[in-house]
PDB file of N, CA and C in Angstrom:
ATOM      1  N   MET A   1       9.367   7.440 -10.358  1.00  0.00           N
ATOM      2  CA  MET A   1      10.492   7.519 -11.149  1.00  0.00           C
ATOM      3  C   MET A   1      10.777   6.035 -11.513  1.00  0.00           C
ATOM      4  N   PRO A   2      10.024   5.382 -12.447  1.00  0.00           N
ATOM      5  CA  PRO A   2      10.391   3.990 -12.915  1.00  0.00           C
ATOM      6  C   PRO A   2      11.802   3.773 -13.216  1.00  0.00           C
ATOM      7  N   GLY A   3      12.258   2.507 -12.681  1.00  0.00           N
ATOM      8  CA  GLY A   3      13.938   2.228 -13.301  1.00  0.00           C
ATOM      9  C   GLY A   3      14.801   2.480 -11.943  1.00  0.00           C
ATOM     10  N   ILE A   4      14.193   2.906 -10.633  1.00  0.00           N
ATOM     11  CA  ILE A   4      15.242   2.843  -9.573  1.00  0.00           C
ATOM     12  C   ILE A   4      14.833   1.520  -8.816  1.00  0.00           C
ATOM     13  N   SER A   5      15.873   0.999  -8.394  1.00  0.00           N
ATOM     14  CA  SER A   5      15.998  -0.402  -7.959  1.00  0.00           C
ATOM     15  C   SER A   5      16.851  -0.500  -6.928  1.00  0.00           C
ATOM     16  N   SER A   6      16.501  -1.012  -5.601  1.00  0.00           N
ATOM     17  CA  SER A   6      17.615  -0.948  -4.521  1.00  0.00           C
ATOM     18  C   SER A   6      17.329  -2.399  -4.022  1.00  0.00           C
ATOM     19  N   SER A   7      18.677  -2.877  -3.789  1.00  0.00           N
ATOM     20  CA  SER A   7      18.693  -4.284  -3.175  1.00  0.00           C
ATOM     21  C   SER A   7      19.712  -4.108  -2.086  1.00  0.00           C
ATOM     22  N   SER A   8      19.196  -4.801  -0.926  1.00  0.00           N
ATOM     23  CA  SER A   8      19.954  -5.117   0.296  1.00  0.00           C
ATOM     24  C   SER A   8      20.020  -6.405   0.440  1.00  0.00           C
ATOM     25  N   SER A   9      20.769  -7.205   1.026  1.00  0.00           N
ATOM     26  CA  SER A   9      21.239  -8.387   1.301  1.00  0.00           C
ATOM     27  C   SER A   9      22.108  -8.471   3.067  1.00  0.00           C
ATOM     28  N   VAL A  10      21.336  -9.564   3.514  1.00  0.00           N
ATOM     29  CA  VAL A  10      21.558  -9.294   5.157  1.00  0.00           C
ATOM     30  C   VAL A  10      22.022 -11.019   5.455  1.00  0.00           C
ATOM     31  N   LEU A  11      23.279 -11.348   5.663  1.00  0.00           N
ATOM     32  CA  LEU A  11      23.353 -12.718   6.226  1.00  0.00           C
ATOM     33  C   LEU A  11      23.660 -12.590   7.817  1.00  0.00           C
ATOM     34  N   THR A  12      22.570 -13.463   8.373  1.00  0.00           N
ATOM     35  CA  THR A  12      22.453 -14.035   9.602  1.00  0.00           C
ATOM     36  C   THR A  12      22.244 -15.269  10.173  1.00  0.00           C
ATOM     37  N   ASN A  13      22.986 -15.985  10.815  1.00  0.00           N
ATOM     38  CA  ASN A  13      22.676 -17.081  11.391  1.00  0.00           C
ATOM     39  C   ASN A  13      22.635 -18.588  10.012  1.00  0.00           C
ATOM     40  N   GLY A  14      23.328 -18.089   9.014  1.00  0.00           N
ATOM     41  CA  GLY A  14      23.379 -18.954   7.742  1.00  0.00           C
ATOM     42  C   GLY A  14      22.162 -18.688   7.164  1.00  0.00           C
ATOM     43  N   CYS A  15      21.371 -17.564   7.345  1.00  0.00           N
ATOM     44  CA  CYS A  15      20.280 -17.282   6.687  1.00  0.00           C
ATOM     45  C   CYS A  15      20.275 -15.917   5.453  1.00  0.00           C
ATOM     46  N   ARG A  16      20.003 -15.803   4.762  1.00  0.00           N
ATOM     47  CA  ARG A  16      20.201 -14.718   4.112  1.00  0.00           C
ATOM     48  C   ARG A  16      18.848 -14.027   3.354  1.00  0.00           C
ATOM     49  N   LEU A  17      19.081 -12.630   3.708  1.00  0.00           N
ATOM     50  CA  LEU A  17      17.575 -11.969   3.785  1.00  0.00           C
ATOM     51  C   LEU A  17      17.679 -11.016   2.417  1.00  0.00           C
ATOM     52  N   ILE A  18      16.943 -11.130   1.137  1.00  0.00           N
ATOM     53  CA  ILE A  18      17.186 -10.280   0.332  1.00  0.00           C
ATOM     54  C   ILE A  18      15.954  -9.231   0.127  1.00  0.00           C
ATOM     55  N   LEU A  19      16.402  -8.105   0.447  1.00  0.00           N
ATOM     56  CA  LEU A  19      15.095  -6.910   0.100  1.00  0.00           C
ATOM     57  C   LEU A  19      15.346  -6.630  -1.420  1.00  0.00           C
ATOM     58  N   ASN A  20      14.193  -6.664  -2.419  1.00  0.00           N
ATOM     59  CA  ASN A  20      14.708  -5.878  -3.477  1.00  0.00           C
ATOM     60  C   ASN A  20      13.119  -4.967  -3.839  1.00  0.00           C
ATOM     61  N   TYR A  21      13.656  -3.462  -4.239  1.00  0.00           N
ATOM     62  CA  TYR A  21      12.580  -2.630  -4.278  1.00  0.00           C
ATOM     63  C   TYR A  21      12.720  -2.587  -5.779  1.00  0.00           C
ATOM     64  N   PHE A  22      11.742  -2.517  -6.854  1.00  0.00           N
ATOM     65  CA  PHE A  22      11.717  -2.310  -8.171  1.00  0.00           C
ATOM     66  C   PHE A  22      10.303  -1.506  -8.725  1.00  0.00           C
ATOM     67  N   SER A  23      10.604  -0.353  -9.153  1.00  0.00           N
ATOM     68  CA  SER A  23       9.465   0.519  -9.573  1.00  0.00           C
ATOM     69  C   SER A  23       8.567   0.510  -8.249  1.00  0.00           C
ATOM     70  N   GLY A  24       9.075   0.832  -7.127  1.00  0.00           N
ATOM     71  CA  GLY A  24       7.879   0.991  -5.862  1.00  0.00           C
ATOM     72  C   GLY A  24       7.374  -0.430  -5.750  1.00  0.00           C
ATOM     73  N   SER A  25       7.533  -1.329  -6.169  1.00  0.00           N
ATOM     74  CA  SER A  25       7.254  -2.648  -5.775  1.00  0.00           C
ATOM     75  C   SER A  25       8.053  -3.628  -4.826  1.00  0.00           C
ATOM     76  N   PRO A  26       7.557  -3.819  -3.690  1.00  0.00           N
ATOM     77  CA  PRO A  26       8.531  -4.169  -2.549  1.00  0.00           C
ATOM     78  C   PRO A  26       8.268  -5.839  -2.879  1.00  0.00           C
ATOM     79  N   ASN A  27       9.639  -6.279  -2.962  1.00  0.00           N
ATOM     80  CA  ASN A  27       9.657  -7.719  -3.048  1.00  0.00           C
ATOM     81  C   ASN A  27      10.744  -8.457  -1.970  1.00  0.00           C
ATOM     82  N   ILE A  28      10.202  -9.211  -1.282  1.00  0.00           N
ATOM     83  CA  ILE A  28      11.115  -9.989  -0.310  1.00  0.00           C
ATOM     84  C   ILE A  28      11.323 -11.405  -0.661  1.00  0.00           C
ATOM     85  N   LEU A  29      12.453 -11.926  -0.783  1.00  0.00           N
ATOM     86  CA  LEU A  29      13.046 -12.997  -1.133  1.00  0.00           C
ATOM     87  C   LEU A  29      14.114 -13.464   0.224  1.00  0.00           C
ATOM     88  N   PHE A  30      13.312 -14.499   0.828  1.00  0.00           N
ATOM     89  CA  PHE A  30      14.292 -15.147   2.143  1.00  0.00           C
ATOM     90  C   PHE A  30      14.510 -16.144   1.552  1.00  0.00           C
ATOM     91  N   THR A  31      15.980 -16.696   1.850  1.00  0.00           N
ATOM     92  CA  THR A  31      16.526 -17.843   1.784  1.00  0.00           C
ATOM     93  C   THR A  31      17.382 -18.538   3.074  1.00  0.00           C
ATOM     94  N   CYS A  32      17.088 -19.691   3.267  1.00  0.00           N
ATOM     95  CA  CYS A  32      17.954 -20.264   4.316  1.00  0.00           C
ATOM     96  C   CYS A  32      18.939 -21.351   3.930  1.00  0.00           C
ATOM     97  N   CYS A  33      20.051 -21.016   4.415  1.00  0.00           N
ATOM     98  CA  CYS A  33      21.326 -21.938   3.861  1.00  0.00           C
ATOM     99  C   CYS A  33      21.486 -22.882   4.966  1.00  0.00           C
ATOM    100  N   PHE A  34      21.656 -24.115   4.948  1.00  0.00           N
ATOM    101  CA  PHE A  34      21.985 -25.116   6.101  1.00  0.00           C
ATOM    102  C   PHE A  34      23.163 -26.033   5.848  1.00  0.00           C
ATOM    103  N   LYS A  35      24.409 -26.065   6.516  1.00  0.00           N
ATOM    104  CA  LYS A  35      25.394 -27.063   6.203  1.00  0.00           C
ATOM    105  C   LYS A  35      25.142 -28.546   6.687  1.00  0.00           C
ATOM    106  N   ILE A  36      25.128 -29.334   6.002  1.00  0.00           N
ATOM    107  CA  ILE A  36      25.017 -30.650   6.612  1.00  0.00           C
ATOM    108  C   ILE A  36      26.137 -31.126   6.712  1.00  0.00           C
TER     109      ILE A  36
END
C-alpha cells in the first residue's frame, strides 16, 4: 500500500533520532544537538 508513512522521533541526551518509513523504504535520520 503506497502512500503509508510512519514517523517516530525520540529525544535523548540532546540527541534526536528520527525514523521515517515511506512506501516500505526505511530512512533513518540521526541528528545531535549540543549546547555551547
